[in-house]
């Protein structure tokens, strides 16, 4: 990878697609990062999903905000850069229960709901999940390296590891 390859930062309820450099997002709590990669085209995408679906928000104008709309959005943008659906693989990160004490017994927290919705959206799109670091009660940051599709997960509590 050359030094001039872009380092793209994805914010909450945002996404990016590229064919060089790194795409990252920091500060995942209950949100979920969806990292998609086509290893033949060298094209990847990353979305920082805030909510499981549009019914949980008054403002539904941003498709990157919801797993149900972020997955099709990422796939369409990746297709424009030469990625092909049958080659795309997913890695998902996040969905922590940051405030577990506030969840009623037997209740599903927003992190769990986000992870379940992301899994469903990827299954509907026929994109297999090949790596995952979800749940628990700590925050994470995610770095997608487009030179080879590796995803590095960093956490103050758990250190760094590659999916």
C-alpha atoms as a PDB file:
ATOM      1  CA  UNK A   1       0.000   0.000   0.000  1.00  0.00           C
ATOM      2  CA  UNK A   2       1.368   3.416  -0.873  1.00  0.00           C
ATOM      3  CA  UNK A   3       1.720   6.279   1.564  1.00  0.00           C
ATOM      4  CA  UNK A   4      -0.830   8.337  -0.353  1.00  0.00           C
ATOM      5  CA  UNK A   5      -3.618   5.762   0.063  1.00  0.00           C
ATOM      6  CA  UNK A   6      -6.538   7.329   1.907  1.00  0.00           C
ATOM      7  CA  UNK A   7      -7.402   6.757   5.540  1.00  0.00           C
ATOM      8  CA  UNK A   8     -11.174   7.224   5.652  1.00  0.00           C
ATOM      9  CA  UNK A   9     -12.907   7.725   9.000  1.00  0.00           C
ATOM     10  CA  UNK A  10     -16.540   6.624   9.243  1.00  0.00           C
ATOM     11  CA  UNK A  11     -18.653   8.366  11.862  1.00  0.00           C
ATOM     12  CA  UNK A  12     -21.792   7.100  13.595  1.00  0.00           C
ATOM     13  CA  UNK A  13     -24.600   6.407  11.080  1.00  0.00           C
ATOM     14  CA  UNK A  14     -22.165   6.778   8.179  1.00  0.00           C
ATOM     15  CA  UNK A  15     -20.405   4.539   5.660  1.00  0.00           C
ATOM     16  CA  UNK A  16     -17.538   4.512   3.178  1.00  0.00           C
ATOM     17  CA  UNK A  17     -16.437   2.340   0.272  1.00  0.00           C
ATOM     18  CA  UNK A  18     -12.970   2.339  -1.303  1.00  0.00           C
ATOM     19  CA  UNK A  19     -10.393   0.261  -3.144  1.00  0.00           C
ATOM     20  CA  UNK A  20      -7.239   1.500  -1.376  1.00  0.00           C
ATOM     21  CA  UNK A  21      -6.150   2.626   2.057  1.00  0.00           C
ATOM     22  CA  UNK A  22      -7.921   2.059   5.331  1.00  0.00           C
ATOM     23  CA  UNK A  23     -11.501   2.615   6.438  1.00  0.00           C
ATOM     24  CA  UNK A  24     -11.991   2.954  10.180  1.00  0.00           C
ATOM     25  CA  UNK A  25     -14.550   3.798  12.814  1.00  0.00           C
ATOM     26  CA  UNK A  26     -13.972   4.482  16.476  1.00  0.00           C
ATOM     27  CA  UNK A  27     -16.095   4.356  19.581  1.00  0.00           C
ATOM     28  CA  UNK A  28     -18.420   1.432  18.891  1.00  0.00           C
ATOM     29  CA  UNK A  29     -20.594   0.663  21.888  1.00  0.00           C
ATOM     30  CA  UNK A  30     -24.029  -0.757  21.100  1.00  0.00           C
ATOM     31  CA  UNK A  31     -23.532   0.229  17.437  1.00  0.00           C
ATOM     32  CA  UNK A  32     -22.290  -2.376  14.954  1.00  0.00           C
ATOM     33  CA  UNK A  33     -19.594  -1.985  12.317  1.00  0.00           C
ATOM     34  CA  UNK A  34     -20.261  -3.944   9.150  1.00  0.00           C
ATOM     35  CA  UNK A  35     -17.047  -4.536   7.198  1.00  0.00           C
ATOM     36  CA  UNK A  36     -17.488  -5.997   3.710  1.00  0.00           C
ATOM     37  CA  UNK A  37     -14.659  -7.050   1.395  1.00  0.00           C
ATOM     38  CA  UNK A  38     -14.248  -8.531  -2.104  1.00  0.00           C
ATOM     39  CA  UNK A  39     -10.745 -10.018  -2.210  1.00  0.00           C
ATOM     40  CA  UNK A  40     -10.662 -10.307  -6.009  1.00  0.00           C
ATOM     41  CA  UNK A  41     -11.576  -6.664  -6.688  1.00  0.00           C
ATOM     42  CA  UNK A  42      -9.803  -5.377  -3.570  1.00  0.00           C
ATOM     43  CA  UNK A  43     -12.892  -3.340  -2.739  1.00  0.00           C
ATOM     44  CA  UNK A  44     -14.211  -2.895   0.761  1.00  0.00           C
ATOM     45  CA  UNK A  45     -16.856  -1.013   2.643  1.00  0.00           C
ATOM     46  CA  UNK A  46     -17.588  -0.145   6.241  1.00  0.00           C
ATOM     47  CA  UNK A  47     -20.804   1.069   7.860  1.00  0.00           C
ATOM     48  CA  UNK A  48     -21.275   2.236  11.472  1.00  0.00           C
ATOM     49  CA  UNK A  49     -24.885   1.193  12.122  1.00  0.00           C
ATOM     50  CA  UNK A  50     -26.735   2.962  14.933  1.00  0.00           C
ATOM     51  CA  UNK A  51     -30.124   1.188  15.000  1.00  0.00           C
ATOM     52  CA  UNK A  52     -31.595  -2.158  13.861  1.00  0.00           C
ATOM     53  CA  UNK A  53     -34.280  -0.670  11.599  1.00  0.00           C
ATOM     54  CA  UNK A  54     -36.123   2.479  10.570  1.00  0.00           C
ATOM     55  CA  UNK A  55     -39.025   1.942  12.964  1.00  0.00           C
ATOM     56  CA  UNK A  56     -36.761   2.978  15.859  1.00  0.00           C
ATOM     57  CA  UNK A  57     -36.165   6.521  14.614  1.00  0.00           C
ATOM     58  CA  UNK A  58     -38.185   9.561  13.624  1.00  0.00           C
ATOM     59  CA  UNK A  59     -35.525  10.649  11.124  1.00  0.00           C
ATOM     60  CA  UNK A  60     -35.301   7.909   8.523  1.00  0.00           C
ATOM     61  CA  UNK A  61     -33.482   9.932   5.861  1.00  0.00           C
ATOM     62  CA  UNK A  62     -30.044   8.380   6.396  1.00  0.00           C
ATOM     63  CA  UNK A  63     -29.794   4.788   5.080  1.00  0.00           C
ATOM     64  CA  UNK A  64     -26.397   4.240   6.766  1.00  0.00           C
ATOM     65  CA  UNK A  65     -28.083   4.598  10.164  1.00  0.00           C
ATOM     66  CA  UNK A  66     -29.933   1.249  10.011  1.00  0.00           C
ATOM     67  CA  UNK A  67     -28.720  -2.285   9.325  1.00  0.00           C
ATOM     68  CA  UNK A  68     -31.706  -3.006   7.081  1.00  0.00           C
ATOM     69  CA  UNK A  69     -30.708  -0.209   4.690  1.00  0.00           C
ATOM     70  CA  UNK A  70     -26.942   0.020   5.281  1.00  0.00           C
ATOM     71  CA  UNK A  71     -26.202  -3.443   3.857  1.00  0.00           C
ATOM     72  CA  UNK A  72     -27.890  -2.808   0.466  1.00  0.00           C
ATOM     73  CA  UNK A  73     -26.259   0.647   0.367  1.00  0.00           C
ATOM     74  CA  UNK A  74     -22.770  -0.796   0.930  1.00  0.00           C
ATOM     75  CA  UNK A  75     -23.322  -3.528  -1.657  1.00  0.00           C
ATOM     76  CA  UNK A  76     -24.514  -1.060  -4.310  1.00  0.00           C
ATOM     77  CA  UNK A  77     -21.562   1.269  -3.754  1.00  0.00           C
ATOM     78  CA  UNK A  78     -19.095  -1.627  -3.784  1.00  0.00           C
ATOM     79  CA  UNK A  79     -20.603  -2.881  -7.047  1.00  0.00           C
ATOM     80  CA  UNK A  80     -19.824   0.516  -8.612  1.00  0.00           C
ATOM     81  CA  UNK A  81     -16.146  -0.054  -7.793  1.00  0.00           C
ATOM     82  CA  UNK A  82     -16.110  -3.538  -9.331  1.00  0.00           C
ATOM     83  CA  UNK A  83     -17.013  -5.803  -6.400  1.00  0.00           C
ATOM     84  CA  UNK A  84     -19.262  -8.777  -7.121  1.00  0.00           C
ATOM     85  CA  UNK A  85     -21.872 -10.050  -4.676  1.00  0.00           C
ATOM     86  CA  UNK A  86     -20.788 -13.704  -4.744  1.00  0.00           C
ATOM     87  CA  UNK A  87     -17.249 -12.775  -3.633  1.00  0.00           C
ATOM     88  CA  UNK A  88     -18.111 -10.378  -0.812  1.00  0.00           C
ATOM     89  CA  UNK A  89     -17.558 -11.531   2.747  1.00  0.00           C
ATOM     90  CA  UNK A  90     -18.539  -9.778   5.996  1.00  0.00           C
ATOM     91  CA  UNK A  91     -16.987  -9.216   9.379  1.00  0.00           C
ATOM     92  CA  UNK A  92     -19.064  -7.608  12.119  1.00  0.00           C
ATOM     93  CA  UNK A  93     -17.942  -5.866  15.293  1.00  0.00           C
ATOM     94  CA  UNK A  94     -19.716  -4.166  18.204  1.00  0.00           C
ATOM     95  CA  UNK A  95     -23.154  -4.595  19.674  1.00  0.00           C
ATOM     96  CA  UNK A  96     -21.965  -4.254  23.250  1.00  0.00           C
ATOM     97  CA  UNK A  97     -24.276  -3.873  26.206  1.00  0.00           C
ATOM     98  CA  UNK A  98     -22.793  -0.680  27.575  1.00  0.00           C
ATOM     99  CA  UNK A  99     -25.534  -0.184  30.166  1.00  0.00           C
ATOM    100  CA  UNK A 100     -26.563  -3.743  30.996  1.00  0.00           C
ATOM    101  CA  UNK A 101     -27.948  -2.800  34.401  1.00  0.00           C
ATOM    102  CA  UNK A 102     -30.652  -0.758  32.660  1.00  0.00           C
ATOM    103  CA  UNK A 103     -31.980  -3.700  30.634  1.00  0.00           C
ATOM    104  CA  UNK A 104     -34.936  -5.516  32.257  1.00  0.00           C
ATOM    105  CA  UNK A 105     -34.378  -9.180  33.121  1.00  0.00           C
ATOM    106  CA  UNK A 106     -34.885 -11.239  29.998  1.00  0.00           C
ATOM    107  CA  UNK A 107     -34.909  -8.104  27.849  1.00  0.00           C
ATOM    108  CA  UNK A 108     -32.828  -7.716  24.731  1.00  0.00           C
ATOM    109  CA  UNK A 109     -30.507  -4.705  24.797  1.00  0.00           C
ATOM    110  CA  UNK A 110     -29.962  -2.438  21.792  1.00  0.00           C
ATOM    111  CA  UNK A 111     -26.533  -3.965  21.107  1.00  0.00           C
ATOM    112  CA  UNK A 112     -28.009  -7.462  20.838  1.00  0.00           C
ATOM    113  CA  UNK A 113     -30.823  -6.130  18.656  1.00  0.00           C
ATOM    114  CA  UNK A 114     -28.301  -4.415  16.383  1.00  0.00           C
ATOM    115  CA  UNK A 115     -26.244  -7.603  15.996  1.00  0.00           C
ATOM    116  CA  UNK A 116     -29.351  -9.696  15.259  1.00  0.00           C
ATOM    117  CA  UNK A 117     -30.553  -7.167  12.657  1.00  0.00           C
ATOM    118  CA  UNK A 118     -27.137  -7.041  10.972  1.00  0.00           C
ATOM    119  CA  UNK A 119     -27.004 -10.840  10.788  1.00  0.00           C
ATOM    120  CA  UNK A 120     -30.488 -10.886   9.253  1.00  0.00           C
ATOM    121  CA  UNK A 121     -29.672  -8.151   6.703  1.00  0.00           C
ATOM    122  CA  UNK A 122     -26.486  -9.953   5.637  1.00  0.00           C
ATOM    123  CA  UNK A 123     -28.320 -13.288   5.363  1.00  0.00           C
ATOM    124  CA  UNK A 124     -31.014 -11.676   3.201  1.00  0.00           C
ATOM    125  CA  UNK A 125     -28.284 -10.251   0.946  1.00  0.00           C
ATOM    126  CA  UNK A 126     -26.531 -13.667   0.869  1.00  0.00           C
ATOM    127  CA  UNK A 127     -23.295 -12.280   2.271  1.00  0.00           C
ATOM    128  CA  UNK A 128     -21.579 -14.765   4.595  1.00  0.00           C
ATOM    129  CA  UNK A 129     -20.123 -13.605   7.907  1.00  0.00           C
ATOM    130  CA  UNK A 130     -16.533 -14.871   8.171  1.00  0.00           C
ATOM    131  CA  UNK A 131     -15.443 -13.026  11.313  1.00  0.00           C
ATOM    132  CA  UNK A 132     -17.124 -11.532  14.337  1.00  0.00           C
ATOM    133  CA  UNK A 133     -16.362  -9.752  17.604  1.00  0.00           C
ATOM    134  CA  UNK A 134     -19.713  -8.809  19.129  1.00  0.00           C
ATOM    135  CA  UNK A 135     -21.480  -8.477  22.451  1.00  0.00           C
ATOM    136  CA  UNK A 136     -19.948  -8.199  25.913  1.00  0.00           C
ATOM    137  CA  UNK A 137     -19.767  -4.839  27.687  1.00  0.00           C
ATOM    138  CA  UNK A 138     -16.852  -2.879  26.251  1.00  0.00           C
ATOM    139  CA  UNK A 139     -16.256  -0.461  23.390  1.00  0.00           C
ATOM    140  CA  UNK A 140     -14.277  -1.145  20.247  1.00  0.00           C
ATOM    141  CA  UNK A 141     -12.710   0.585  17.258  1.00  0.00           C
ATOM    142  CA  UNK A 142     -12.432  -1.045  13.827  1.00  0.00           C
ATOM    143  CA  UNK A 143      -9.885  -0.712  11.018  1.00  0.00           C
ATOM    144  CA  UNK A 144     -10.506  -2.317   7.595  1.00  0.00           C
ATOM    145  CA  UNK A 145      -7.278  -2.595   5.575  1.00  0.00           C
ATOM    146  CA  UNK A 146      -8.150  -2.678   1.888  1.00  0.00           C
ATOM    147  CA  UNK A 147      -4.822  -4.128   0.766  1.00  0.00           C
ATOM    148  CA  UNK A 148      -5.893  -7.543   2.084  1.00  0.00           C
ATOM    149  CA  UNK A 149      -9.301  -7.228   3.790  1.00  0.00           C
ATOM    150  CA  UNK A 150      -8.100  -7.781   7.319  1.00  0.00           C
ATOM    151  CA  UNK A 151     -10.088  -6.159  10.090  1.00  0.00           C
ATOM    152  CA  UNK A 152      -8.287  -5.041  13.213  1.00  0.00           C
ATOM    153  CA  UNK A 153     -10.364  -4.598  16.348  1.00  0.00           C
ATOM    154  CA  UNK A 154      -8.922  -2.367  19.058  1.00  0.00           C
ATOM    155  CA  UNK A 155     -10.209  -1.978  22.600  1.00  0.00           C
ATOM    156  CA  UNK A 156      -8.791  -0.331  25.674  1.00  0.00           C
ATOM    157  CA  UNK A 157     -10.074  -3.241  27.721  1.00  0.00           C
ATOM    158  CA  UNK A 158      -9.142  -6.160  25.477  1.00  0.00           C
ATOM    159  CA  UNK A 159      -6.200  -4.879  23.373  1.00  0.00           C
ATOM    160  CA  UNK A 160      -5.994  -5.477  19.614  1.00  0.00           C
ATOM    161  CA  UNK A 161      -6.655  -8.502  17.451  1.00  0.00           C
ATOM    162  CA  UNK A 162      -7.287  -9.254  13.779  1.00  0.00           C
ATOM    163  CA  UNK A 163     -10.415 -10.912  12.419  1.00  0.00           C
END
